[in-house]
Amino acid sequence: MLFYPSLASRLVPWLGKDLHAYRQFSDLIARMWEYLSVDELCCHVNGKKMWIQADDRWALRRFFRFRGRYDYRQIKVLSRFLSANTCYWDIGANYGTYFVTLSDFFHRDTRVVLMEPNVGVFRLLRRTVYYDTRDDLTVFPLNCAAGKRDGSGTLFLSRMGSADSRTYEPHDDDTYNYGKHREKVMVEIRSLDRTALDLFPDWPHDNVIKLDVQGHEYEVIQGAARLIDNSRMAVVFIEIWPHGLRQSLTDPTQLIGFFKDRGFRVLNEVGIPKSYDWLQDFVDSEVSAGGFRGINVILVKHPGRGL
């Protein structure tokens, strides 16, 4: 079934100003699809066709509220770092919004690795990939989570939507899961270092990594240390979410220090240069306030490339 969030937003203009109304509306839409026994929807996001789960309240809310736009400015900034030799890693790929939007900017022979552990979401991601992939791209969709080392682990699913699945046991379900215990499923875990060795006969030296794993970023990035250290150019688009990092028993300063020690440059999500002091100040204020905000940043090694 084809679904047009932009059309729905125009039909209900008051939603654009009222987040609570959006939440109620997305819940209503999800219940309607459930009543009609509709499992999946095809929608247009950033001008691209992709498939989502019909009962995913997070996806319905995001794509309704922003009229079919999702992180478009951030994706445009990220596209500036792509070149013919780039390997693009989408860790926590979800339904593939970043992939399908960036597909217009990929050069010939770009290699793409998509990791998504949620099997239901992955099934729709793979459909989007097969629909949208150009013949001159090599795309590896992998139904797994990323981590420090290869193995298996538990994925904790959220009732609020696909965007908040976590590979550690959270203790904030009152806030992020309607006060209910999360469903648990076993998933494969792969490190980026091992994956690079398995997939590519020649080591990828120009790497753009989009990383959104709900507080487990430090574990993932430790499993990509060899990939990053041996890169001529490495760009990491990452969410720094102090609350999620602390839920996963990580000191946010450890994650920041990983990049600072390697000489990465800090940009905000729209490409404006910032400092590590700016980033640390944000983390300190959130930790002190017990807040729930996160911030997207772009960390760049070898700043002569891209911006």
C-alpha atoms as a PDB file:
ATOM      1  CA  MET A   1       0.000   0.000   0.000  1.00  0.00           C
ATOM      2  CA  LEU A   2       1.415   3.416  -0.998  1.00  0.00           C
ATOM      3  CA  PHE A   3       1.236   6.059   1.690  1.00  0.00           C
ATOM      4  CA  TYR A   4       1.935   9.780   1.249  1.00  0.00           C
ATOM      5  CA  PRO A   5       2.876  11.472   4.534  1.00  0.00           C
ATOM      6  CA  SER A   6       3.284  14.861   2.826  1.00  0.00           C
ATOM      7  CA  LEU A   7      -0.316  14.731   1.557  1.00  0.00           C
ATOM      8  CA  ALA A   8      -1.599  13.739   4.997  1.00  0.00           C
ATOM      9  CA  SER A   9       0.266  16.667   6.574  1.00  0.00           C
ATOM     10  CA  ARG A  10      -1.345  19.128   4.187  1.00  0.00           C
ATOM     11  CA  LEU A  11      -4.776  17.697   4.939  1.00  0.00           C
ATOM     12  CA  VAL A  12      -4.165  18.220   8.679  1.00  0.00           C
ATOM     13  CA  PRO A  13      -2.254  21.544   8.870  1.00  0.00           C
ATOM     14  CA  TRP A  14      -2.633  21.943  12.637  1.00  0.00           C
ATOM     15  CA  LEU A  15      -0.351  18.964  13.197  1.00  0.00           C
ATOM     16  CA  GLY A  16       2.692  21.013  12.216  1.00  0.00           C
ATOM     17  CA  LYS A  17       2.484  23.058  15.419  1.00  0.00           C
ATOM     18  CA  ASP A  18       1.353  20.508  17.963  1.00  0.00           C
ATOM     19  CA  LEU A  19       3.676  17.604  18.800  1.00  0.00           C
ATOM     20  CA  HIS A  20       1.141  16.035  21.164  1.00  0.00           C
ATOM     21  CA  ALA A  21      -1.439  16.052  18.350  1.00  0.00           C
ATOM     22  CA  TYR A  22       1.080  14.303  16.115  1.00  0.00           C
ATOM     23  CA  ARG A  23       1.580  11.586  18.699  1.00  0.00           C
ATOM     24  CA  GLN A  24      -2.148  11.065  19.018  1.00  0.00           C
ATOM     25  CA  PHE A  25      -2.557  11.065  15.255  1.00  0.00           C
ATOM     26  CA  SER A  26       0.263   8.563  14.667  1.00  0.00           C
ATOM     27  CA  ASP A  27      -1.222   6.276  17.337  1.00  0.00           C
ATOM     28  CA  LEU A  28      -4.578   6.506  15.596  1.00  0.00           C
ATOM     29  CA  ILE A  29      -3.046   5.713  12.204  1.00  0.00           C
ATOM     30  CA  ALA A  30      -1.127   2.740  13.647  1.00  0.00           C
ATOM     31  CA  ARG A  31      -4.286   1.339  15.231  1.00  0.00           C
ATOM     32  CA  MET A  32      -6.151   1.811  11.959  1.00  0.00           C
ATOM     33  CA  TRP A  33      -3.566  -0.209   9.995  1.00  0.00           C
ATOM     34  CA  GLU A  34      -3.668  -2.894  12.692  1.00  0.00           C
ATOM     35  CA  TYR A  35      -7.463  -3.051  12.420  1.00  0.00           C
ATOM     36  CA  LEU A  36      -7.194  -3.371   8.628  1.00  0.00           C
ATOM     37  CA  SER A  37      -4.480  -6.068   8.980  1.00  0.00           C
ATOM     38  CA  VAL A  38      -1.971  -3.927   7.073  1.00  0.00           C
ATOM     39  CA  ASP A  39       1.589  -4.893   8.022  1.00  0.00           C
ATOM     40  CA  GLU A  40       3.695  -2.548   5.908  1.00  0.00           C
ATOM     41  CA  LEU A  41       3.475   0.729   4.043  1.00  0.00           C
ATOM     42  CA  CYS A  42       5.343   2.209   1.119  1.00  0.00           C
ATOM     43  CA  CYS A  43       5.981   5.917   1.614  1.00  0.00           C
ATOM     44  CA  HIS A  44       7.954   8.786   0.109  1.00  0.00           C
ATOM     45  CA  VAL A  45      10.680  10.263   2.319  1.00  0.00           C
ATOM     46  CA  ASN A  46      13.119  12.888   1.015  1.00  0.00           C
ATOM     47  CA  GLY A  47      11.608  12.250  -2.405  1.00  0.00           C
ATOM     48  CA  LYS A  48      12.521   8.550  -2.271  1.00  0.00           C
ATOM     49  CA  LYS A  49      10.362   5.471  -1.986  1.00  0.00           C
ATOM     50  CA  MET A  50      10.877   3.240   1.037  1.00  0.00           C
ATOM     51  CA  TRP A  51       8.943   0.697   3.094  1.00  0.00           C
ATOM     52  CA  ILE A  52       8.074   0.930   6.789  1.00  0.00           C
ATOM     53  CA  GLN A  53       6.139  -1.144   9.311  1.00  0.00           C
ATOM     54  CA  ALA A  54       2.538   0.033   9.512  1.00  0.00           C
ATOM     55  CA  ASP A  55       2.481  -0.024  13.330  1.00  0.00           C
ATOM     56  CA  ASP A  56       5.758   1.885  13.787  1.00  0.00           C
ATOM     57  CA  ARG A  57       4.583   4.948  15.684  1.00  0.00           C
ATOM     58  CA  TRP A  58       8.003   6.585  15.554  1.00  0.00           C
ATOM     59  CA  ALA A  59       8.195   6.334  11.757  1.00  0.00           C
ATOM     60  CA  LEU A  60       4.625   7.527  11.258  1.00  0.00           C
ATOM     61  CA  ARG A  61       5.211  10.464  13.595  1.00  0.00           C
ATOM     62  CA  ARG A  62       8.492  11.551  12.021  1.00  0.00           C
ATOM     63  CA  PHE A  63       7.358  11.260   8.435  1.00  0.00           C
ATOM     64  CA  PHE A  64       4.003  12.923   9.118  1.00  0.00           C
ATOM     65  CA  ARG A  65       5.372  15.808  11.124  1.00  0.00           C
ATOM     66  CA  PHE A  66       8.067  16.855   8.666  1.00  0.00           C
ATOM     67  CA  ARG A  67       5.994  16.286   5.534  1.00  0.00           C
ATOM     68  CA  GLY A  68       8.112  13.508   4.130  1.00  0.00           C
ATOM     69  CA  ARG A  69      11.466  15.089   5.072  1.00  0.00           C
ATOM     70  CA  TYR A  70      13.891  13.434   7.449  1.00  0.00           C
ATOM     71  CA  ASP A  71      17.394  14.756   8.344  1.00  0.00           C
ATOM     72  CA  TYR A  72      17.700  16.126   4.808  1.00  0.00           C
ATOM     73  CA  ARG A  73      20.135  18.948   5.644  1.00  0.00           C
ATOM     74  CA  GLN A  74      22.377  16.589   7.604  1.00  0.00           C
ATOM     75  CA  ILE A  75      22.391  14.044   4.769  1.00  0.00           C
ATOM     76  CA  LYS A  76      23.313  16.750   2.251  1.00  0.00           C
ATOM     77  CA  VAL A  77      26.305  17.722   4.408  1.00  0.00           C
ATOM     78  CA  LEU A  78      27.361  14.085   4.698  1.00  0.00           C
ATOM     79  CA  SER A  79      27.169  13.690   0.916  1.00  0.00           C
ATOM     80  CA  ARG A  80      30.049  16.178   0.481  1.00  0.00           C
ATOM     81  CA  PHE A  81      32.484  13.626   1.870  1.00  0.00           C
ATOM     82  CA  LEU A  82      31.628  10.922  -0.658  1.00  0.00           C
ATOM     83  CA  SER A  83      34.087  10.097  -3.434  1.00  0.00           C
ATOM     84  CA  ALA A  84      34.650   7.310  -5.949  1.00  0.00           C
ATOM     85  CA  ASN A  85      36.723   5.338  -3.417  1.00  0.00           C
ATOM     86  CA  THR A  86      34.421   5.765  -0.448  1.00  0.00           C
ATOM     87  CA  CYS A  87      33.009   2.927   1.595  1.00  0.00           C
ATOM     88  CA  TYR A  88      29.787   4.091   3.247  1.00  0.00           C
ATOM     89  CA  TRP A  89      28.813   2.356   6.498  1.00  0.00           C
ATOM     90  CA  ASP A  90      25.258   2.821   7.798  1.00  0.00           C
ATOM     91  CA  ILE A  91      25.193   1.367  11.299  1.00  0.00           C
ATOM     92  CA  GLY A  92      21.678   1.293  12.661  1.00  0.00           C
ATOM     93  CA  ALA A  93      20.335   1.696   9.140  1.00  0.00           C
ATOM     94  CA  ASN A  94      16.691   1.370  10.194  1.00  0.00           C
ATOM     95  CA  TYR A  95      14.476   1.519   7.076  1.00  0.00           C
ATOM     96  CA  GLY A  96      17.259   3.031   4.963  1.00  0.00           C
ATOM     97  CA  THR A  97      16.418   6.734   4.926  1.00  0.00           C
ATOM     98  CA  TYR A  98      20.062   7.828   4.838  1.00  0.00           C
ATOM     99  CA  PHE A  99      20.926   5.229   2.209  1.00  0.00           C
ATOM    100  CA  VAL A 100      18.127   6.081  -0.225  1.00  0.00           C
ATOM    101  CA  THR A 101      18.691   9.823   0.153  1.00  0.00           C
ATOM    102  CA  LEU A 102      22.443   9.486  -0.362  1.00  0.00           C
ATOM    103  CA  SER A 103      21.965   7.174  -3.354  1.00  0.00           C
ATOM    104  CA  ASP A 104      21.847  10.175  -5.679  1.00  0.00           C
ATOM    105  CA  PHE A 105      25.266  11.281  -4.411  1.00  0.00           C
ATOM    106  CA  PHE A 106      27.122   7.955  -4.456  1.00  0.00           C
ATOM    107  CA  HIS A 107      29.888   7.806  -7.059  1.00  0.00           C
ATOM    108  CA  ARG A 108      30.445   4.835  -9.327  1.00  0.00           C
ATOM    109  CA  ASP A 109      31.772   1.761  -7.546  1.00  0.00           C
ATOM    110  CA  THR A 110      30.913   3.099  -4.100  1.00  0.00           C
ATOM    111  CA  ARG A 111      30.680   0.273  -1.592  1.00  0.00           C
ATOM    112  CA  VAL A 112      27.862   0.376   0.946  1.00  0.00           C
ATOM    113  CA  VAL A 113      27.431  -1.639   4.157  1.00  0.00           C
ATOM    114  CA  LEU A 114      24.053  -1.458   5.912  1.00  0.00           C
ATOM    115  CA  MET A 115      23.657  -2.997   9.382  1.00  0.00           C
ATOM    116  CA  GLU A 116      20.205  -3.376  10.970  1.00  0.00           C
ATOM    117  CA  PRO A 117      19.562  -5.946  13.741  1.00  0.00           C
ATOM    118  CA  ASN A 118      15.740  -5.783  13.907  1.00  0.00           C
ATOM    119  CA  VAL A 119      14.633  -8.581  11.572  1.00  0.00           C
ATOM    120  CA  GLY A 120      11.260  -7.002  10.740  1.00  0.00           C
ATOM    121  CA  VAL A 121      12.826  -3.652   9.923  1.00  0.00           C
ATOM    122  CA  PHE A 122      15.654  -5.367   8.022  1.00  0.00           C
ATOM    123  CA  ARG A 123      13.198  -7.171   5.755  1.00  0.00           C
ATOM    124  CA  LEU A 124      11.780  -3.814   4.635  1.00  0.00           C
ATOM    125  CA  LEU A 125      15.241  -2.236   4.431  1.00  0.00           C
ATOM    126  CA  ARG A 126      16.289  -4.989   2.038  1.00  0.00           C
ATOM    127  CA  ARG A 127      13.216  -4.344  -0.106  1.00  0.00           C
ATOM    128  CA  THR A 128      14.095  -0.643  -0.272  1.00  0.00           C
ATOM    129  CA  VAL A 129      17.694  -1.500  -1.174  1.00  0.00           C
ATOM    130  CA  TYR A 130      16.687  -3.800  -4.024  1.00  0.00           C
ATOM    131  CA  TYR A 131      14.254  -1.210  -5.335  1.00  0.00           C
ATOM    132  CA  ASP A 132      16.661   1.739  -5.207  1.00  0.00           C
ATOM    133  CA  THR A 133      20.174   0.344  -5.776  1.00  0.00           C
ATOM    134  CA  ARG A 134      21.962   1.407  -8.953  1.00  0.00           C
ATOM    135  CA  ASP A 135      23.823  -1.182 -11.020  1.00  0.00           C
ATOM    136  CA  ASP A 136      27.182   0.490 -10.375  1.00  0.00           C
ATOM    137  CA  LEU A 137      26.904   0.226  -6.569  1.00  0.00           C
ATOM    138  CA  THR A 138      27.903  -2.692  -4.366  1.00  0.00           C
ATOM    139  CA  VAL A 139      25.546  -2.901  -1.386  1.00  0.00           C
ATOM    140  CA  PHE A 140      25.815  -5.325   1.545  1.00  0.00           C
ATOM    141  CA  PRO A 141      22.644  -5.357   3.700  1.00  0.00           C
ATOM    142  CA  LEU A 142      23.461  -7.235   6.915  1.00  0.00           C
ATOM    143  CA  ASN A 143      20.893  -8.355   9.487  1.00  0.00           C
ATOM    144  CA  CYS A 144      23.117  -7.840  12.530  1.00  0.00           C
ATOM    145  CA  ALA A 145      24.110  -5.366  15.204  1.00  0.00           C
ATOM    146  CA  ALA A 146      27.545  -3.776  15.404  1.00  0.00           C
ATOM    147  CA  GLY A 147      29.747  -4.144  18.445  1.00  0.00           C
ATOM    148  CA  LYS A 148      33.241  -4.330  19.866  1.00  0.00           C
ATOM    149  CA  ARG A 149      33.735  -7.937  18.778  1.00  0.00           C
ATOM    150  CA  ASP A 150      31.922 -10.674  16.855  1.00  0.00           C
ATOM    151  CA  GLY A 151      29.397 -12.849  18.659  1.00  0.00           C
ATOM    152  CA  SER A 152      25.749 -12.740  19.655  1.00  0.00           C
ATOM    153  CA  GLY A 153      23.708 -10.586  21.982  1.00  0.00           C
ATOM    154  CA  THR A 154      20.264  -9.426  23.000  1.00  0.00           C
ATOM    155  CA  LEU A 155      18.278  -6.735  21.206  1.00  0.00           C
ATOM    156  CA  PHE A 156      15.760  -4.911  23.404  1.00  0.00           C
ATOM    157  CA  LEU A 157      12.855  -3.697  21.267  1.00  0.00           C
ATOM    158  CA  SER A 158      10.788  -0.593  21.967  1.00  0.00           C
ATOM    159  CA  ARG A 159       7.006  -0.384  21.747  1.00  0.00           C
ATOM    160  CA  MET A 160       7.401   3.277  20.795  1.00  0.00           C
ATOM    161  CA  GLY A 161       8.971   2.467  17.449  1.00  0.00           C
ATOM    162  CA  SER A 162      11.889   1.015  15.553  1.00  0.00           C
ATOM    163  CA  ALA A 163      14.289   3.884  16.290  1.00  0.00           C
ATOM    164  CA  ASP A 164      14.936   2.908  19.913  1.00  0.00           C
ATOM    165  CA  SER A 165      16.005  -0.742  19.758  1.00  0.00           C
ATOM    166  CA  ARG A 166      19.062  -1.225  21.971  1.00  0.00           C
ATOM    167  CA  THR A 167      21.771  -3.841  22.329  1.00  0.00           C
ATOM    168  CA  TYR A 168      22.042  -3.341  26.086  1.00  0.00           C
ATOM    169  CA  GLU A 169      19.407  -3.653  28.806  1.00  0.00           C
ATOM    170  CA  PRO A 170      18.006  -0.165  29.474  1.00  0.00           C
ATOM    171  CA  HIS A 171      16.486   1.043  32.720  1.00  0.00           C
ATOM    172  CA  ASP A 172      14.384   3.899  31.349  1.00  0.00           C
ATOM    173  CA  ASP A 173      11.315   2.034  30.112  1.00  0.00           C
ATOM    174  CA  ASP A 174       9.024   4.427  31.980  1.00  0.00           C
ATOM    175  CA  THR A 175      10.202   7.137  29.595  1.00  0.00           C
ATOM    176  CA  TYR A 176      10.945   5.211  26.415  1.00  0.00           C
ATOM    177  CA  ASN A 177       8.675   2.151  26.425  1.00  0.00           C
ATOM    178  CA  TYR A 178       5.335   3.222  27.872  1.00  0.00           C
ATOM    179  CA  GLY A 179       6.398   1.797  31.233  1.00  0.00           C
ATOM    180  CA  LYS A 180       6.463  -1.770  29.881  1.00  0.00           C
ATOM    181  CA  HIS A 181       9.282  -4.316  29.797  1.00  0.00           C
ATOM    182  CA  ARG A 182      10.914  -4.581  26.397  1.00  0.00           C
ATOM    183  CA  GLU A 183      10.615  -7.589  24.140  1.00  0.00           C
ATOM    184  CA  LYS A 184      13.982  -9.344  23.787  1.00  0.00           C
ATOM    185  CA  VAL A 185      15.395 -11.139  20.743  1.00  0.00           C
ATOM    186  CA  MET A 186      18.793 -12.684  20.076  1.00  0.00           C
ATOM    187  CA  VAL A 187      20.845 -11.094  17.298  1.00  0.00           C
ATOM    188  CA  GLU A 188      24.216 -11.539  15.626  1.00  0.00           C
ATOM    189  CA  ILE A 189      26.872  -8.957  16.531  1.00  0.00           C
ATOM    190  CA  ARG A 190      29.725  -8.074  14.168  1.00  0.00           C
ATOM    191  CA  SER A 191      32.603  -5.646  14.523  1.00  0.00           C
ATOM    192  CA  LEU A 192      33.266  -3.251  11.662  1.00  0.00           C
ATOM    193  CA  ASP A 193      36.916  -4.332  11.595  1.00  0.00           C
ATOM    194  CA  ARG A 194      36.021  -7.989  11.067  1.00  0.00           C
ATOM    195  CA  THR A 195      33.294  -7.095   8.577  1.00  0.00           C
ATOM    196  CA  ALA A 196      35.731  -5.070   6.470  1.00  0.00           C
ATOM    197  CA  LEU A 197      38.118  -8.029   6.355  1.00  0.00           C
ATOM    198  CA  ASP A 198      35.305 -10.431   5.423  1.00  0.00           C
ATOM    199  CA  LEU A 199      33.719  -8.295   2.701  1.00  0.00           C
ATOM    200  CA  PHE A 200      36.584  -6.546   0.958  1.00  0.00           C
ATOM    201  CA  PRO A 201      39.725  -8.064  -0.575  1.00  0.00           C
ATOM    202  CA  ASP A 202      41.305  -4.613  -0.416  1.00  0.00           C
ATOM    203  CA  TRP A 203      41.057  -2.632   2.801  1.00  0.00           C
ATOM    204  CA  PRO A 204      38.764   0.431   2.409  1.00  0.00           C
ATOM    205  CA  HIS A 205      40.857   3.543   3.093  1.00  0.00           C
ATOM    206  CA  ASP A 206      38.170   6.232   2.635  1.00  0.00           C
ATOM    207  CA  ASN A 207      35.315   5.562   5.047  1.00  0.00           C
ATOM    208  CA  VAL A 208      32.144   7.480   5.856  1.00  0.00           C
ATOM    209  CA  ILE A 209      30.350   6.012   8.869  1.00  0.00           C
ATOM    210  CA  LYS A 210      26.854   6.986   9.979  1.00  0.00           C
ATOM    211  CA  LEU A 211      26.393   5.652  13.492  1.00  0.00           C
ATOM    212  CA  ASP A 212      23.092   5.702  15.394  1.00  0.00           C
ATOM    213  CA  VAL A 213      22.873   2.909  17.964  1.00  0.00           C
ATOM    214  CA  GLN A 214      21.067   4.532  20.885  1.00  0.00           C
ATOM    215  CA  GLY A 215      23.910   4.877  23.366  1.00  0.00           C
ATOM    216  CA  HIS A 216      26.048   1.912  22.308  1.00  0.00           C
ATOM    217  CA  GLU A 217      28.330   4.043  20.122  1.00  0.00           C
ATOM    218  CA  TYR A 218      31.489   3.572  22.171  1.00  0.00           C
ATOM    219  CA  GLU A 219      31.276  -0.226  21.930  1.00  0.00           C
ATOM    220  CA  VAL A 220      30.760  -0.017  18.167  1.00  0.00           C
ATOM    221  CA  ILE A 221      33.556   2.468  17.585  1.00  0.00           C
ATOM    222  CA  GLN A 222      36.019   0.336  19.565  1.00  0.00           C
ATOM    223  CA  GLY A 223      35.216  -2.475  17.123  1.00  0.00           C
ATOM    224  CA  ALA A 224      36.075  -0.121  14.258  1.00  0.00           C
ATOM    225  CA  ALA A 225      39.396   1.161  15.648  1.00  0.00           C
ATOM    226  CA  ARG A 226      41.536  -0.628  13.059  1.00  0.00           C
ATOM    227  CA  LEU A 227      39.288   0.516  10.217  1.00  0.00           C
ATOM    228  CA  ILE A 228      39.494   4.123  11.404  1.00  0.00           C
ATOM    229  CA  ASP A 229      43.205   4.115  12.257  1.00  0.00           C
ATOM    230  CA  ASN A 230      44.102   2.761   8.818  1.00  0.00           C
ATOM    231  CA  SER A 231      41.876   5.154   6.899  1.00  0.00           C
ATOM    232  CA  ARG A 232      43.283   7.943   4.770  1.00  0.00           C
ATOM    233  CA  MET A 233      39.973   9.716   5.321  1.00  0.00           C
ATOM    234  CA  ALA A 234      37.427   8.844   7.995  1.00  0.00           C
ATOM    235  CA  VAL A 235      34.190  10.707   8.602  1.00  0.00           C
ATOM    236  CA  VAL A 236      31.870   9.650  11.424  1.00  0.00           C
ATOM    237  CA  PHE A 237      28.356  11.067  11.671  1.00  0.00           C
ATOM    238  CA  ILE A 238      27.302  10.213  15.201  1.00  0.00           C
ATOM    239  CA  GLU A 239      24.734  11.045  17.846  1.00  0.00           C
ATOM    240  CA  ILE A 240      26.193  11.955  21.219  1.00  0.00           C
ATOM    241  CA  TRP A 241      23.388  11.048  23.619  1.00  0.00           C
ATOM    242  CA  PRO A 242      24.664  11.292  27.210  1.00  0.00           C
ATOM    243  CA  HIS A 243      21.593   9.608  28.701  1.00  0.00           C
ATOM    244  CA  GLY A 244      21.853   6.601  26.371  1.00  0.00           C
ATOM    245  CA  LEU A 245      25.606   6.305  26.842  1.00  0.00           C
ATOM    246  CA  ARG A 246      25.217   6.248  30.597  1.00  0.00           C
ATOM    247  CA  GLN A 247      22.396   3.690  30.301  1.00  0.00           C
ATOM    248  CA  SER A 248      24.915   1.448  28.509  1.00  0.00           C
ATOM    249  CA  LEU A 249      27.420   2.078  31.357  1.00  0.00           C
ATOM    250  CA  THR A 250      29.642   4.294  29.192  1.00  0.00           C
ATOM    251  CA  ASP A 251      31.168   7.573  30.309  1.00  0.00           C
ATOM    252  CA  PRO A 252      30.414   9.989  27.403  1.00  0.00           C
ATOM    253  CA  THR A 253      33.903  11.453  27.851  1.00  0.00           C
ATOM    254  CA  GLN A 254      35.361   8.104  26.731  1.00  0.00           C
ATOM    255  CA  LEU A 255      33.570   8.357  23.401  1.00  0.00           C
ATOM    256  CA  ILE A 256      34.677  11.947  22.862  1.00  0.00           C
ATOM    257  CA  GLY A 257      38.235  11.038  23.872  1.00  0.00           C
ATOM    258  CA  PHE A 258      38.415   8.270  21.247  1.00  0.00           C
ATOM    259  CA  PHE A 259      38.122  10.856  18.478  1.00  0.00           C
ATOM    260  CA  LYS A 260      40.038  13.641  20.201  1.00  0.00           C
ATOM    261  CA  ASP A 261      43.063  11.393  20.752  1.00  0.00           C
ATOM    262  CA  ARG A 262      43.079  10.566  17.027  1.00  0.00           C
ATOM    263  CA  GLY A 263      42.987  14.184  15.920  1.00  0.00           C
ATOM    264  CA  PHE A 264      39.474  14.260  14.507  1.00  0.00           C
ATOM    265  CA  ARG A 265      37.943  17.643  13.754  1.00  0.00           C
ATOM    266  CA  VAL A 266      34.471  18.453  15.143  1.00  0.00           C
ATOM    267  CA  LEU A 267      31.636  19.829  13.002  1.00  0.00           C
ATOM    268  CA  ASN A 268      28.042  20.250  14.011  1.00  0.00           C
ATOM    269  CA  GLU A 269      25.350  18.407  12.051  1.00  0.00           C
ATOM    270  CA  VAL A 270      25.155  21.090   9.351  1.00  0.00           C
ATOM    271  CA  GLY A 271      28.924  21.265   8.832  1.00  0.00           C
ATOM    272  CA  ILE A 272      29.907  24.258  10.973  1.00  0.00           C
ATOM    273  CA  PRO A 273      33.285  23.798  12.748  1.00  0.00           C
ATOM    274  CA  LYS A 274      33.072  23.421  16.501  1.00  0.00           C
ATOM    275  CA  SER A 275      35.467  22.577  19.324  1.00  0.00           C
ATOM    276  CA  TYR A 276      35.783  19.665  21.702  1.00  0.00           C
ATOM    277  CA  ASP A 277      35.111  22.125  24.535  1.00  0.00           C
ATOM    278  CA  TRP A 278      31.748  22.911  22.917  1.00  0.00           C
ATOM    279  CA  LEU A 279      30.924  19.214  22.754  1.00  0.00           C
ATOM    280  CA  GLN A 280      32.091  18.509  26.295  1.00  0.00           C
ATOM    281  CA  ASP A 281      30.079  21.467  27.618  1.00  0.00           C
ATOM    282  CA  PHE A 282      26.945  19.985  26.067  1.00  0.00           C
ATOM    283  CA  VAL A 283      27.632  16.588  27.654  1.00  0.00           C
ATOM    284  CA  ASP A 284      28.381  18.113  31.066  1.00  0.00           C
ATOM    285  CA  SER A 285      25.194  20.182  31.046  1.00  0.00           C
ATOM    286  CA  GLU A 286      23.040  17.169  30.104  1.00  0.00           C
ATOM    287  CA  VAL A 287      24.622  14.919  32.712  1.00  0.00           C
ATOM    288  CA  SER A 288      24.270  17.598  35.376  1.00  0.00           C
ATOM    289  CA  ALA A 289      20.618  18.218  34.511  1.00  0.00           C
ATOM    290  CA  GLY A 290      19.761  14.534  34.070  1.00  0.00           C
ATOM    291  CA  GLY A 291      18.450  15.456  30.629  1.00  0.00           C
ATOM    292  CA  PHE A 292      17.472  13.325  27.657  1.00  0.00           C
ATOM    293  CA  ARG A 293      18.777  15.421  24.768  1.00  0.00           C
ATOM    294  CA  GLY A 294      21.283  14.216  22.203  1.00  0.00           C
ATOM    295  CA  ILE A 295      23.302  16.070  19.608  1.00  0.00           C
ATOM    296  CA  ASN A 296      24.469  15.007  16.151  1.00  0.00           C
ATOM    297  CA  VAL A 297      28.054  15.788  15.221  1.00  0.00           C
ATOM    298  CA  ILE A 298      30.373  15.037  12.309  1.00  0.00           C
ATOM    299  CA  LEU A 299      33.898  13.967  13.233  1.00  0.00           C
ATOM    300  CA  VAL A 300      36.465  14.292  10.446  1.00  0.00           C
ATOM    301  CA  LYS A 301      39.942  12.818  10.064  1.00  0.00           C
ATOM    302  CA  HIS A 302      42.005  14.551   7.329  1.00  0.00           C
ATOM    303  CA  PRO A 303      39.930  17.704   6.894  1.00  0.00           C
ATOM    304  CA  GLY A 304      41.246  18.398   3.400  1.00  0.00           C
ATOM    305  CA  ARG A 305      38.487  16.148   2.041  1.00  0.00           C
ATOM    306  CA  GLY A 306      34.805  17.009   1.854  1.00  0.00           C
ATOM    307  CA  LEU A 307      33.868  20.417   3.261  1.00  0.00           C
END
